[in-house]
PDB file of N, CA and C in Angstrom:
ATOM      1  N   UNK A   1     -27.849  49.184 122.043  1.00  0.00           N
ATOM      2  CA  UNK A   1     -29.200  48.727 121.161  1.00  0.00           C
ATOM      3  C   UNK A   1     -28.708  47.681 120.354  1.00  0.00           C
ATOM      4  N   UNK A   2     -29.756  47.012 120.563  1.00  0.00           N
ATOM      5  CA  UNK A   2     -29.581  46.240 119.791  1.00  0.00           C
ATOM      6  C   UNK A   2     -30.157  46.428 118.085  1.00  0.00           C
ATOM      7  N   UNK A   3     -29.322  45.347 117.750  1.00  0.00           N
ATOM      8  CA  UNK A   3     -28.645  45.114 115.751  1.00  0.00           C
ATOM      9  C   UNK A   3     -29.988  44.016 115.650  1.00  0.00           C
ATOM     10  N   UNK A   4     -31.382  44.953 114.873  1.00  0.00           N
ATOM     11  CA  UNK A   4     -32.628  43.640 114.329  1.00  0.00           C
ATOM     12  C   UNK A   4     -31.561  43.936 112.203  1.00  0.00           C
ATOM     13  N   UNK A   5     -32.020  42.585 112.011  1.00  0.00           N
ATOM     14  CA  UNK A   5     -31.887  42.072 110.886  1.00  0.00           C
ATOM     15  C   UNK A   5     -33.162  41.389 110.987  1.00  0.00           C
ATOM     16  N   UNK A   6     -34.118  41.529 109.475  1.00  0.00           N
ATOM     17  CA  UNK A   6     -35.444  40.677 109.303  1.00  0.00           C
ATOM     18  C   UNK A   6     -35.356  39.387 108.650  1.00  0.00           C
ATOM     19  N   UNK A   7     -35.836  38.740 108.918  1.00  0.00           N
ATOM     20  CA  UNK A   7     -35.419  36.625 107.579  1.00  0.00           C
ATOM     21  C   UNK A   7     -37.168  36.467 106.649  1.00  0.00           C
ATOM     22  N   UNK A   8     -36.980  36.175 105.831  1.00  0.00           N
ATOM     23  CA  UNK A   8     -38.010  36.170 104.752  1.00  0.00           C
ATOM     24  C   UNK A   8     -39.250  35.639 104.748  1.00  0.00           C
ATOM     25  N   UNK A   9     -39.815  34.217 106.405  1.00  0.00           N
ATOM     26  CA  UNK A   9     -40.007  34.463 106.800  1.00  0.00           C
ATOM     27  C   UNK A   9     -41.234  35.372 107.254  1.00  0.00           C
ATOM     28  N   UNK A  10     -40.154  35.570 108.296  1.00  0.00           N
ATOM     29  CA  UNK A  10     -40.778  37.317 109.182  1.00  0.00           C
ATOM     30  C   UNK A  10     -41.586  38.052 108.429  1.00  0.00           C
ATOM     31  N   UNK A  11     -40.689  38.516 107.250  1.00  0.00           N
ATOM     32  CA  UNK A  11     -41.439  39.465 106.541  1.00  0.00           C
ATOM     33  C   UNK A  11     -43.176  39.040 105.858  1.00  0.00           C
ATOM     34  N   UNK A  12     -42.678  37.976 104.965  1.00  0.00           N
ATOM     35  CA  UNK A  12     -44.419  37.310 105.305  1.00  0.00           C
ATOM     36  C   UNK A  12     -45.206  37.570 105.474  1.00  0.00           C
ATOM     37  N   UNK A  13     -44.929  36.867 106.645  1.00  0.00           N
ATOM     38  CA  UNK A  13     -45.483  36.879 107.927  1.00  0.00           C
ATOM     39  C   UNK A  13     -46.244  38.419 108.321  1.00  0.00           C
ATOM     40  N   UNK A  14     -45.447  39.472 109.001  1.00  0.00           N
ATOM     41  CA  UNK A  14     -45.379  40.919 109.206  1.00  0.00           C
ATOM     42  C   UNK A  14     -46.831  41.423 108.092  1.00  0.00           C
ATOM     43  N   UNK A  15     -45.909  41.271 106.692  1.00  0.00           N
ATOM     44  CA  UNK A  15     -47.182  41.863 105.615  1.00  0.00           C
ATOM     45  C   UNK A  15     -48.388  41.786 105.898  1.00  0.00           C
ATOM     46  N   UNK A  16     -48.600  39.810 105.737  1.00  0.00           N
ATOM     47  CA  UNK A  16     -50.396  38.983 106.245  1.00  0.00           C
ATOM     48  C   UNK A  16     -50.882  40.180 107.784  1.00  0.00           C
ATOM     49  N   UNK A  17     -50.243  40.673 108.398  1.00  0.00           N
ATOM     50  CA  UNK A  17     -50.742  40.755 109.823  1.00  0.00           C
ATOM     51  C   UNK A  17     -52.107  42.217 109.144  1.00  0.00           C
ATOM     52  N   UNK A  18     -52.840  42.437 109.398  1.00  0.00           N
ATOM     53  CA  UNK A  18     -53.961  43.674 109.436  1.00  0.00           C
ATOM     54  C   UNK A  18     -53.012  45.022 110.514  1.00  0.00           C
ATOM     55  N   UNK A  19     -53.322  46.119 109.286  1.00  0.00           N
ATOM     56  CA  UNK A  19     -52.955  47.125 109.858  1.00  0.00           C
ATOM     57  C   UNK A  19     -51.843  47.295 111.047  1.00  0.00           C
ATOM     58  N   UNK A  20     -53.170  47.352 112.131  1.00  0.00           N
ATOM     59  CA  UNK A  20     -53.167  48.033 113.193  1.00  0.00           C
ATOM     60  C   UNK A  20     -52.536  46.543 114.128  1.00  0.00           C
ATOM     61  N   UNK A  21     -52.652  45.490 113.470  1.00  0.00           N
ATOM     62  CA  UNK A  21     -51.306  45.265 114.153  1.00  0.00           C
ATOM     63  C   UNK A  21     -50.161  45.533 113.598  1.00  0.00           C
ATOM     64  N   UNK A  22     -49.873  45.517 112.664  1.00  0.00           N
ATOM     65  CA  UNK A  22     -49.102  46.096 111.764  1.00  0.00           C
ATOM     66  C   UNK A  22     -47.741  46.817 112.540  1.00  0.00           C
ATOM     67  N   UNK A  23     -48.878  47.951 113.396  1.00  0.00           N
ATOM     68  CA  UNK A  23     -48.440  49.226 114.255  1.00  0.00           C
ATOM     69  C   UNK A  23     -47.694  48.199 115.351  1.00  0.00           C
ATOM     70  N   UNK A  24     -48.284  47.929 115.974  1.00  0.00           N
ATOM     71  CA  UNK A  24     -48.292  47.302 117.516  1.00  0.00           C
ATOM     72  C   UNK A  24     -47.522  46.849 117.731  1.00  0.00           C
ATOM     73  N   UNK A  25     -46.573  45.446 116.811  1.00  0.00           N
ATOM     74  CA  UNK A  25     -45.434  45.202 116.624  1.00  0.00           C
ATOM     75  C   UNK A  25     -43.707  45.977 116.029  1.00  0.00           C
ATOM     76  N   UNK A  26     -44.375  46.665 115.470  1.00  0.00           N
ATOM     77  CA  UNK A  26     -43.520  47.930 114.845  1.00  0.00           C
ATOM     78  C   UNK A  26     -43.787  48.677 115.787  1.00  0.00           C
ATOM     79  N   UNK A  27     -43.644  49.207 117.396  1.00  0.00           N
ATOM     80  CA  UNK A  27     -43.400  49.062 118.963  1.00  0.00           C
ATOM     81  C   UNK A  27     -42.894  48.367 119.571  1.00  0.00           C
ATOM     82  N   UNK A  28     -43.873  47.243 119.299  1.00  0.00           N
ATOM     83  CA  UNK A  28     -42.933  46.368 120.458  1.00  0.00           C
ATOM     84  C   UNK A  28     -41.926  45.492 120.217  1.00  0.00           C
ATOM     85  N   UNK A  29     -40.808  45.638 118.468  1.00  0.00           N
ATOM     86  CA  UNK A  29     -40.233  45.802 118.075  1.00  0.00           C
ATOM     87  C   UNK A  29     -38.803  46.984 117.876  1.00  0.00           C
ATOM     88  N   UNK A  30     -39.459  48.636 118.671  1.00  0.00           N
ATOM     89  CA  UNK A  30     -38.683  49.855 118.861  1.00  0.00           C
ATOM     90  C   UNK A  30     -37.969  49.429 120.339  1.00  0.00           C
ATOM     91  N   UNK A  31     -39.458  49.122 121.018  1.00  0.00           N
ATOM     92  CA  UNK A  31     -38.384  49.563 122.356  1.00  0.00           C
ATOM     93  C   UNK A  31     -37.948  47.218 122.852  1.00  0.00           C
ATOM     94  N   UNK A  32     -38.059  46.211 122.125  1.00  0.00           N
ATOM     95  CA  UNK A  32     -36.703  45.451 122.467  1.00  0.00           C
ATOM     96  C   UNK A  32     -35.407  46.041 121.509  1.00  0.00           C
ATOM     97  N   UNK A  33     -35.286  46.750 120.704  1.00  0.00           N
ATOM     98  CA  UNK A  33     -34.307  47.197 120.024  1.00  0.00           C
ATOM     99  C   UNK A  33     -33.670  47.793 121.249  1.00  0.00           C
ATOM    100  N   UNK A  34     -34.606  48.840 121.950  1.00  0.00           N
ATOM    101  CA  UNK A  34     -34.009  49.469 123.367  1.00  0.00           C
ATOM    102  C   UNK A  34     -33.511  48.833 124.843  1.00  0.00           C
ATOM    103  N   UNK A  35     -34.240  47.265 124.760  1.00  0.00           N
ATOM    104  CA  UNK A  35     -34.516  46.644 126.528  1.00  0.00           C
ATOM    105  C   UNK A  35     -35.044  45.668 125.694  1.00  0.00           C
ATOM    106  N   UNK A  36     -34.440  44.633 125.893  1.00  0.00           N
ATOM    107  CA  UNK A  36     -34.643  44.187 124.871  1.00  0.00           C
ATOM    108  C   UNK A  36     -35.313  42.894 126.262  1.00  0.00           C
ATOM    109  N   UNK A  37     -34.910  42.989 127.741  1.00  0.00           N
ATOM    110  CA  UNK A  37     -35.525  42.305 128.734  1.00  0.00           C
ATOM    111  C   UNK A  37     -36.579  43.212 129.329  1.00  0.00           C
ATOM    112  N   UNK A  38     -36.791  44.261 128.417  1.00  0.00           N
ATOM    113  CA  UNK A  38     -38.375  45.190 129.265  1.00  0.00           C
ATOM    114  C   UNK A  38     -39.230  43.898 129.976  1.00  0.00           C
ATOM    115  N   UNK A  39     -39.658  44.286 131.224  1.00  0.00           N
ATOM    116  CA  UNK A  39     -41.327  43.897 131.882  1.00  0.00           C
ATOM    117  C   UNK A  39     -42.202  43.385 130.331  1.00  0.00           C
ATOM    118  N   UNK A  40     -42.930  44.069 129.572  1.00  0.00           N
ATOM    119  CA  UNK A  40     -43.723  44.026 128.651  1.00  0.00           C
ATOM    120  C   UNK A  40     -43.507  43.234 128.169  1.00  0.00           C
ATOM    121  N   UNK A  41     -42.412  42.878 127.167  1.00  0.00           N
ATOM    122  CA  UNK A  41     -41.777  42.377 126.624  1.00  0.00           C
ATOM    123  C   UNK A  41     -41.862  40.347 126.936  1.00  0.00           C
ATOM    124  N   UNK A  42     -42.107  40.154 128.430  1.00  0.00           N
ATOM    125  CA  UNK A  42     -42.201  38.738 128.853  1.00  0.00           C
ATOM    126  C   UNK A  42     -41.178  38.057 127.741  1.00  0.00           C
ATOM    127  N   UNK A  43     -39.808  38.651 127.505  1.00  0.00           N
ATOM    128  CA  UNK A  43     -39.078  37.151 126.555  1.00  0.00           C
ATOM    129  C   UNK A  43     -38.379  36.638 126.736  1.00  0.00           C
ATOM    130  N   UNK A  44     -38.304  35.489 126.628  1.00  0.00           N
ATOM    131  CA  UNK A  44     -37.664  34.021 126.650  1.00  0.00           C
ATOM    132  C   UNK A  44     -37.765  32.980 126.005  1.00  0.00           C
ATOM    133  N   UNK A  45     -36.539  32.399 126.526  1.00  0.00           N
ATOM    134  CA  UNK A  45     -36.083  31.191 125.954  1.00  0.00           C
ATOM    135  C   UNK A  45     -37.347  30.148 125.973  1.00  0.00           C
ATOM    136  N   UNK A  46     -36.487  29.389 124.305  1.00  0.00           N
ATOM    137  CA  UNK A  46     -38.006  28.726 124.083  1.00  0.00           C
ATOM    138  C   UNK A  46     -37.515  27.408 124.263  1.00  0.00           C
ATOM    139  N   UNK A  47     -37.882  26.295 124.364  1.00  0.00           N
ATOM    140  CA  UNK A  47     -37.535  24.699 124.429  1.00  0.00           C
ATOM    141  C   UNK A  47     -38.384  24.043 123.337  1.00  0.00           C
ATOM    142  N   UNK A  48     -37.538  22.549 123.740  1.00  0.00           N
ATOM    143  CA  UNK A  48     -37.833  21.599 122.509  1.00  0.00           C
ATOM    144  C   UNK A  48     -37.002  21.717 121.619  1.00  0.00           C
ATOM    145  N   UNK A  49     -38.458  21.163 119.943  1.00  0.00           N
ATOM    146  CA  UNK A  49     -37.833  21.911 118.913  1.00  0.00           C
ATOM    147  C   UNK A  49     -37.683  23.239 118.720  1.00  0.00           C
ATOM    148  N   UNK A  50     -37.464  24.047 118.922  1.00  0.00           N
ATOM    149  CA  UNK A  50     -36.922  25.372 119.144  1.00  0.00           C
ATOM    150  C   UNK A  50     -36.632  25.919 119.925  1.00  0.00           C
ATOM    151  N   UNK A  51     -35.617  24.795 120.620  1.00  0.00           N
ATOM    152  CA  UNK A  51     -34.405  25.059 121.347  1.00  0.00           C
ATOM    153  C   UNK A  51     -34.414  26.042 121.224  1.00  0.00           C
ATOM    154  N   UNK A  52     -32.868  26.955 121.846  1.00  0.00           N
ATOM    155  CA  UNK A  52     -31.803  27.665 120.761  1.00  0.00           C
ATOM    156  C   UNK A  52     -32.548  29.428 120.220  1.00  0.00           C
ATOM    157  N   UNK A  53     -33.868  28.650 120.547  1.00  0.00           N
ATOM    158  CA  UNK A  53     -34.216  30.353 119.744  1.00  0.00           C
ATOM    159  C   UNK A  53     -34.870  31.500 121.083  1.00  0.00           C
ATOM    160  N   UNK A  54     -35.215  32.194 120.738  1.00  0.00           N
ATOM    161  CA  UNK A  54     -36.159  33.323 121.671  1.00  0.00           C
ATOM    162  C   UNK A  54     -37.637  33.490 121.636  1.00  0.00           C
ATOM    163  N   UNK A  55     -37.969  34.238 122.099  1.00  0.00           N
ATOM    164  CA  UNK A  55     -39.887  34.911 121.516  1.00  0.00           C
ATOM    165  C   UNK A  55     -39.921  36.239 122.596  1.00  0.00           C
ATOM    166  N   UNK A  56     -40.791  37.180 122.357  1.00  0.00           N
ATOM    167  CA  UNK A  56     -41.397  38.557 122.826  1.00  0.00           C
ATOM    168  C   UNK A  56     -42.869  38.554 122.370  1.00  0.00           C
ATOM    169  N   UNK A  57     -43.587  39.297 123.349  1.00  0.00           N
ATOM    170  CA  UNK A  57     -44.632  39.288 122.902  1.00  0.00           C
ATOM    171  C   UNK A  57     -45.361  41.465 122.329  1.00  0.00           C
ATOM    172  N   UNK A  58     -45.674  40.327 121.066  1.00  0.00           N
ATOM    173  CA  UNK A  58     -46.655  41.881 121.107  1.00  0.00           C
ATOM    174  C   UNK A  58     -48.282  42.139 121.385  1.00  0.00           C
ATOM    175  N   UNK A  59     -48.590  41.422 122.103  1.00  0.00           N
ATOM    176  CA  UNK A  59     -49.057  41.338 122.477  1.00  0.00           C
ATOM    177  C   UNK A  59     -50.014  39.986 123.206  1.00  0.00           C
ATOM    178  N   UNK A  60     -51.023  39.969 123.492  1.00  0.00           N
ATOM    179  CA  UNK A  60     -51.481  38.556 124.329  1.00  0.00           C
ATOM    180  C   UNK A  60     -51.896  37.525 123.588  1.00  0.00           C
ATOM    181  N   UNK A  61     -51.965  37.682 121.827  1.00  0.00           N
ATOM    182  CA  UNK A  61     -52.168  36.303 121.064  1.00  0.00           C
ATOM    183  C   UNK A  61     -50.667  36.356 120.305  1.00  0.00           C
ATOM    184  N   UNK A  62     -49.968  37.450 119.855  1.00  0.00           N
ATOM    185  CA  UNK A  62     -48.631  37.283 119.207  1.00  0.00           C
ATOM    186  C   UNK A  62     -47.888  37.431 119.837  1.00  0.00           C
ATOM    187  N   UNK A  63     -46.658  36.560 118.737  1.00  0.00           N
ATOM    188  CA  UNK A  63     -45.183  36.530 119.123  1.00  0.00           C
ATOM    189  C   UNK A  63     -44.172  36.295 118.215  1.00  0.00           C
ATOM    190  N   UNK A  64     -43.186  37.212 118.861  1.00  0.00           N
ATOM    191  CA  UNK A  64     -41.882  37.278 117.333  1.00  0.00           C
ATOM    192  C   UNK A  64     -41.255  36.113 117.646  1.00  0.00           C
ATOM    193  N   UNK A  65     -40.322  35.805 116.884  1.00  0.00           N
ATOM    194  CA  UNK A  65     -39.254  34.650 117.113  1.00  0.00           C
ATOM    195  C   UNK A  65     -38.719  34.847 116.840  1.00  0.00           C
ATOM    196  N   UNK A  66     -37.251  35.112 117.577  1.00  0.00           N
ATOM    197  CA  UNK A  66     -35.847  35.369 116.685  1.00  0.00           C
ATOM    198  C   UNK A  66     -34.665  34.780 117.413  1.00  0.00           C
ATOM    199  N   UNK A  67     -33.132  34.497 116.893  1.00  0.00           N
ATOM    200  CA  UNK A  67     -32.561  34.300 117.597  1.00  0.00           C
ATOM    201  C   UNK A  67     -31.074  34.926 117.693  1.00  0.00           C
ATOM    202  N   UNK A  68     -30.542  35.503 118.474  1.00  0.00           N
ATOM    203  CA  UNK A  68     -29.705  36.004 118.808  1.00  0.00           C
ATOM    204  C   UNK A  68     -28.239  35.247 118.802  1.00  0.00           C
ATOM    205  N   UNK A  69     -27.888  36.830 117.095  1.00  0.00           N
ATOM    206  CA  UNK A  69     -26.465  35.856 116.625  1.00  0.00           C
ATOM    207  C   UNK A  69     -25.410  37.002 117.482  1.00  0.00           C
ATOM    208  N   UNK A  70     -25.724  37.689 118.209  1.00  0.00           N
ATOM    209  CA  UNK A  70     -24.286  38.073 119.292  1.00  0.00           C
ATOM    210  C   UNK A  70     -25.158  38.719 119.974  1.00  0.00           C
ATOM    211  N   UNK A  71     -24.381  39.278 121.113  1.00  0.00           N
ATOM    212  CA  UNK A  71     -24.395  40.227 122.202  1.00  0.00           C
ATOM    213  C   UNK A  71     -25.954  40.877 121.669  1.00  0.00           C
ATOM    214  N   UNK A  72     -25.809  41.603 120.548  1.00  0.00           N
ATOM    215  CA  UNK A  72     -26.601  43.087 120.369  1.00  0.00           C
ATOM    216  C   UNK A  72     -26.728  42.544 118.553  1.00  0.00           C
ATOM    217  N   UNK A  73     -27.008  41.783 118.238  1.00  0.00           N
ATOM    218  CA  UNK A  73     -27.999  41.498 117.197  1.00  0.00           C
ATOM    219  C   UNK A  73     -29.048  39.593 117.738  1.00  0.00           C
ATOM    220  N   UNK A  74     -29.772  40.658 116.603  1.00  0.00           N
ATOM    221  CA  UNK A  74     -30.382  39.624 116.711  1.00  0.00           C
ATOM    222  C   UNK A  74     -31.196  39.797 114.549  1.00  0.00           C
ATOM    223  N   UNK A  75     -31.371  38.021 114.771  1.00  0.00           N
ATOM    224  CA  UNK A  75     -32.205  37.462 113.762  1.00  0.00           C
ATOM    225  C   UNK A  75     -34.294  37.761 113.889  1.00  0.00           C
ATOM    226  N   UNK A  76     -35.155  38.291 113.246  1.00  0.00           N
ATOM    227  CA  UNK A  76     -36.849  38.466 113.688  1.00  0.00           C
ATOM    228  C   UNK A  76     -36.340  37.201 112.191  1.00  0.00           C
ATOM    229  N   UNK A  77     -36.905  35.620 113.113  1.00  0.00           N
ATOM    230  CA  UNK A  77     -38.028  34.543 111.728  1.00  0.00           C
ATOM    231  C   UNK A  77     -39.200  34.635 111.833  1.00  0.00           C
ATOM    232  N   UNK A  78     -40.193  34.974 112.432  1.00  0.00           N
ATOM    233  CA  UNK A  78     -41.257  34.789 112.433  1.00  0.00           C
ATOM    234  C   UNK A  78     -42.050  35.756 113.653  1.00  0.00           C
ATOM    235  N   UNK A  79     -43.059  35.867 113.223  1.00  0.00           N
ATOM    236  CA  UNK A  79     -44.438  36.810 113.362  1.00  0.00           C
ATOM    237  C   UNK A  79     -45.884  36.148 113.675  1.00  0.00           C
ATOM    238  N   UNK A  80     -46.702  35.726 114.409  1.00  0.00           N
ATOM    239  CA  UNK A  80     -47.368  35.350 114.519  1.00  0.00           C
ATOM    240  C   UNK A  80     -48.005  34.755 115.859  1.00  0.00           C
ATOM    241  N   UNK A  81     -49.785  34.282 115.899  1.00  0.00           N
ATOM    242  CA  UNK A  81     -50.302  33.551 117.358  1.00  0.00           C
ATOM    243  C   UNK A  81     -49.912  32.384 117.362  1.00  0.00           C
ATOM    244  N   UNK A  82     -50.207  31.648 118.140  1.00  0.00           N
ATOM    245  CA  UNK A  82     -48.829  30.773 119.425  1.00  0.00           C
ATOM    246  C   UNK A  82     -48.669  29.563 118.706  1.00  0.00           C
ATOM    247  N   UNK A  83     -49.610  29.522 116.915  1.00  0.00           N
ATOM    248  CA  UNK A  83     -48.994  29.074 116.137  1.00  0.00           C
ATOM    249  C   UNK A  83     -47.799  28.318 115.365  1.00  0.00           C
ATOM    250  N   UNK A  84     -46.964  29.484 115.529  1.00  0.00           N
ATOM    251  CA  UNK A  84     -46.047  29.776 115.259  1.00  0.00           C
ATOM    252  C   UNK A  84     -44.662  28.195 115.199  1.00  0.00           C
ATOM    253  N   UNK A  85     -44.924  28.409 117.396  1.00  0.00           N
ATOM    254  CA  UNK A  85     -44.539  27.545 117.440  1.00  0.00           C
ATOM    255  C   UNK A  85     -44.543  25.896 117.756  1.00  0.00           C
ATOM    256  N   UNK A  86     -45.876  25.503 116.295  1.00  0.00           N
ATOM    257  CA  UNK A  86     -45.087  24.116 115.821  1.00  0.00           C
ATOM    258  C   UNK A  86     -44.635  24.153 114.627  1.00  0.00           C
TER     259      UNK A  86
END
């Protein structure tokens, strides 16, 4: 099981989401803690200026960007639409 920490930027972005989307985010984080490679999450490495970071899908539009601190520990950095990659 993956241990998760939440960075302030993630928390701020999360609080701005509609409650239905917040629930979806919680569900996907739960799935991620059980199996970070689950096919529904589409977990992948990022490139370019975000090299070294990873992302997984909440739904078609929203993503969560994170950093592996160790094999079993991650920091969630941001949640948002594709603009979080900019």
